[in-house]
Amino acid sequence: MGVVLTAVSLFRPGGSGAATAFLVKNRYAEGVVQTASGLQYKVLTPGKGAKPTDADVALITYVGKLTDGTTFDQSQQPTPLPVTGVVPGFSEALKLMPKGAKYRVWIKPELGYGDKASGPIPAGSVLVFDIDLIDFLPESVVRQLQAQAAGAPQAPQAQPKR
């Protein structure tokens, strides 16, 4: 039955046949797991401990690519991202990852940008991310730290000698 449904979904109106075909094949690649939503992931490095929730800000590094290998985004340094401040598939992936984990995820169009283009990402694209989850904190703690940093007195600057 699953094969029939998959074959039917290849030809649904408005669907991306290329994206669906890629995901059908990728689903059976070694180590790839597919969630109920259709997110696919592979654990590259297992982490340990707790996993972030919707109320957290994750500190990550990442590389985002299209299925043809074209890089469309990459963090230049560890980047804090609210778990709910990203496309649904990325958010779902973050919530699967224990601290210290590195995953490769394949986000189907419906969990990414759908049938809309976004910058260098064509409409209907499968998004491929390598994500390193370095750490995470509750968003309330991050806001408190930001408020403290904003209100902290500045260190006096040295005056040039005359």
Protein backbone atom coordinates (compact mmCIF):
# COMPACT_ATOMS: atom_id res chain seq x y z
CA MET A 1 0.00 0.00 0.00
CA GLY A 2 2.81 2.45 0.89
CA VAL A 3 4.43 1.93 -2.52
CA VAL A 4 1.11 2.67 -4.25
CA LEU A 5 0.61 5.84 -2.20
CA THR A 6 4.16 6.92 -2.94
CA ALA A 7 3.66 6.32 -6.66
CA VAL A 8 0.39 8.27 -6.61
CA SER A 9 2.07 11.18 -4.79
CA LEU A 10 4.66 11.42 -7.59
CA PHE A 11 1.91 12.52 -9.93
CA ARG A 12 -0.32 14.64 -7.71
CA PRO A 13 -1.27 18.02 -9.18
CA GLY A 14 1.05 20.80 -8.08
CA GLY A 15 3.45 18.32 -6.51
CA SER A 16 7.14 18.27 -7.20
CA GLY A 17 7.84 14.95 -8.89
CA ALA A 18 11.60 15.43 -8.71
CA ALA A 19 11.48 16.22 -4.97
CA THR A 20 9.22 13.25 -4.27
CA ALA A 21 11.37 10.90 -6.35
CA PHE A 22 14.50 12.05 -4.51
CA LEU A 23 12.89 11.53 -1.10
CA VAL A 24 11.50 8.08 -2.02
CA LYS A 25 14.97 6.92 -3.02
CA ASN A 26 16.72 8.67 -0.10
CA ARG A 27 14.38 7.11 2.45
CA TYR A 28 16.02 3.72 1.84
CA ALA A 29 19.62 4.96 2.03
CA GLU A 30 21.69 3.46 4.84
CA GLY A 31 21.05 5.12 8.20
CA VAL A 32 18.25 7.41 7.00
CA VAL A 33 15.21 7.66 9.28
CA GLN A 34 11.90 9.20 8.20
CA THR A 35 9.54 10.77 10.74
CA ALA A 36 5.74 10.71 10.53
CA SER A 37 5.81 14.21 8.96
CA GLY A 38 8.17 13.07 6.20
CA LEU A 39 11.33 14.71 7.57
CA GLN A 40 14.33 12.52 6.82
CA TYR A 41 17.50 12.53 8.89
CA LYS A 42 20.72 10.65 9.46
CA VAL A 43 22.72 10.79 12.68
CA LEU A 44 26.30 11.67 11.78
CA THR A 45 27.46 12.16 15.38
CA PRO A 46 25.26 11.13 18.29
CA GLY A 47 24.83 13.60 21.11
CA LYS A 48 23.97 13.09 24.76
CA GLY A 49 21.38 14.40 27.13
CA ALA A 50 18.42 16.67 26.70
CA LYS A 51 16.89 17.89 23.44
CA PRO A 52 15.68 21.43 22.75
CA THR A 53 11.99 22.32 22.82
CA ASP A 54 9.91 25.06 21.18
CA ALA A 55 10.76 27.31 24.14
CA ASP A 56 14.53 27.13 23.51
CA VAL A 57 17.18 28.95 21.51
CA ALA A 58 19.65 26.55 19.89
CA LEU A 59 23.30 27.38 19.29
CA ILE A 60 24.22 25.66 16.02
CA THR A 61 26.47 25.60 13.03
CA TYR A 62 24.94 24.53 9.74
CA VAL A 63 25.34 24.20 6.00
CA GLY A 64 22.23 24.32 3.80
CA LYS A 65 22.33 22.79 0.32
CA LEU A 66 20.02 21.80 -2.49
CA THR A 67 19.94 18.16 -3.61
CA ASP A 68 22.33 19.01 -6.46
CA GLY A 69 24.95 20.06 -3.88
CA THR A 70 24.57 23.83 -4.36
CA THR A 71 25.17 25.60 -1.02
CA PHE A 72 22.51 28.26 -0.39
CA ASP A 73 23.36 29.14 3.22
CA GLN A 74 26.07 28.47 5.77
CA SER A 75 26.79 29.74 9.26
CA GLN A 76 30.12 31.52 9.57
CA GLN A 77 30.22 30.95 13.32
CA PRO A 78 28.00 29.32 15.95
CA THR A 79 24.57 30.88 15.45
CA PRO A 80 21.75 31.21 18.00
CA LEU A 81 18.35 30.37 16.48
CA PRO A 82 14.97 30.15 18.23
CA VAL A 83 13.74 26.59 17.68
CA THR A 84 10.43 27.96 16.35
CA GLY A 85 12.07 30.71 14.28
CA VAL A 86 12.92 28.48 11.32
CA VAL A 87 11.01 26.44 8.70
CA PRO A 88 8.97 23.60 10.26
CA GLY A 89 11.29 20.81 9.09
CA PHE A 90 14.36 22.50 10.59
CA SER A 91 12.50 23.03 13.87
CA GLU A 92 11.44 19.37 13.94
CA ALA A 93 15.04 18.29 13.32
CA LEU A 94 16.40 20.45 16.14
CA LYS A 95 13.91 18.90 18.59
CA LEU A 96 15.18 15.41 17.67
CA MET A 97 18.82 16.25 18.40
CA PRO A 98 20.51 15.82 21.78
CA LYS A 99 23.15 18.37 22.70
CA GLY A 100 26.41 17.69 20.84
CA ALA A 101 24.76 15.83 17.95
CA LYS A 102 25.40 16.35 14.26
CA TYR A 103 22.61 15.37 11.85
CA ARG A 104 22.10 15.54 8.11
CA VAL A 105 18.45 16.33 7.40
CA TRP A 106 16.39 16.33 4.23
CA ILE A 107 13.42 18.67 4.46
CA LYS A 108 10.63 18.04 1.97
CA PRO A 109 9.14 21.14 0.33
CA GLU A 110 6.01 21.05 2.51
CA LEU A 111 8.19 21.36 5.63
CA GLY A 112 10.45 24.00 4.04
CA TYR A 113 9.47 26.78 1.63
CA GLY A 114 6.81 24.79 -0.23
CA ASP A 115 5.92 25.98 -3.71
CA LYS A 116 7.49 29.43 -3.18
CA ALA A 117 11.03 30.36 -4.15
CA SER A 118 13.13 31.96 -1.39
CA GLY A 119 16.29 33.76 -2.53
CA PRO A 120 18.54 31.16 -4.19
CA ILE A 121 16.15 28.32 -3.28
CA PRO A 122 13.83 27.33 -6.14
CA ALA A 123 10.16 26.58 -5.44
CA GLY A 124 9.47 22.97 -4.52
CA SER A 125 13.02 22.26 -3.33
CA VAL A 126 14.17 19.59 -0.91
CA LEU A 127 16.49 21.32 1.59
CA VAL A 128 19.54 19.41 2.83
CA PHE A 129 21.16 20.59 6.05
CA ASP A 130 24.12 19.42 8.06
CA ILE A 131 23.40 20.71 11.58
CA ASP A 132 25.68 20.67 14.63
CA LEU A 133 23.75 21.31 17.86
CA ILE A 134 26.35 22.86 20.13
CA ASP A 135 24.08 23.92 22.99
CA PHE A 136 20.67 25.36 23.78
CA LEU A 137 19.06 27.52 26.44
CA PRO A 138 15.49 28.44 27.26
CA GLU A 139 14.50 31.59 25.34
CA SER A 140 13.61 33.29 28.65
CA VAL A 141 17.19 32.80 29.88
CA VAL A 142 18.60 34.16 26.61
CA ARG A 143 16.39 37.28 26.91
CA GLN A 144 17.50 37.76 30.51
CA LEU A 145 21.17 37.49 29.49
CA GLN A 146 20.62 39.96 26.64
CA ALA A 147 18.92 42.42 29.01
CA GLN A 148 21.78 42.12 31.48
CA ALA A 149 24.34 42.67 28.74
CA ALA A 150 22.44 45.72 27.44
CA GLY A 151 22.28 47.24 30.92
CA ALA A 152 25.84 46.36 31.93
CA PRO A 153 28.12 49.32 32.46
CA GLN A 154 30.67 49.80 29.73
CA ALA A 155 34.35 49.48 30.62
CA PRO A 156 36.05 52.87 30.57
CA GLN A 157 38.01 53.46 27.41
CA ALA A 158 41.63 54.51 27.65
CA GLN A 159 42.23 58.10 26.73
CA PRO A 160 45.11 58.80 24.37
CA LYS A 161 48.11 60.47 26.02
CA ARG A 162 48.90 63.99 24.93
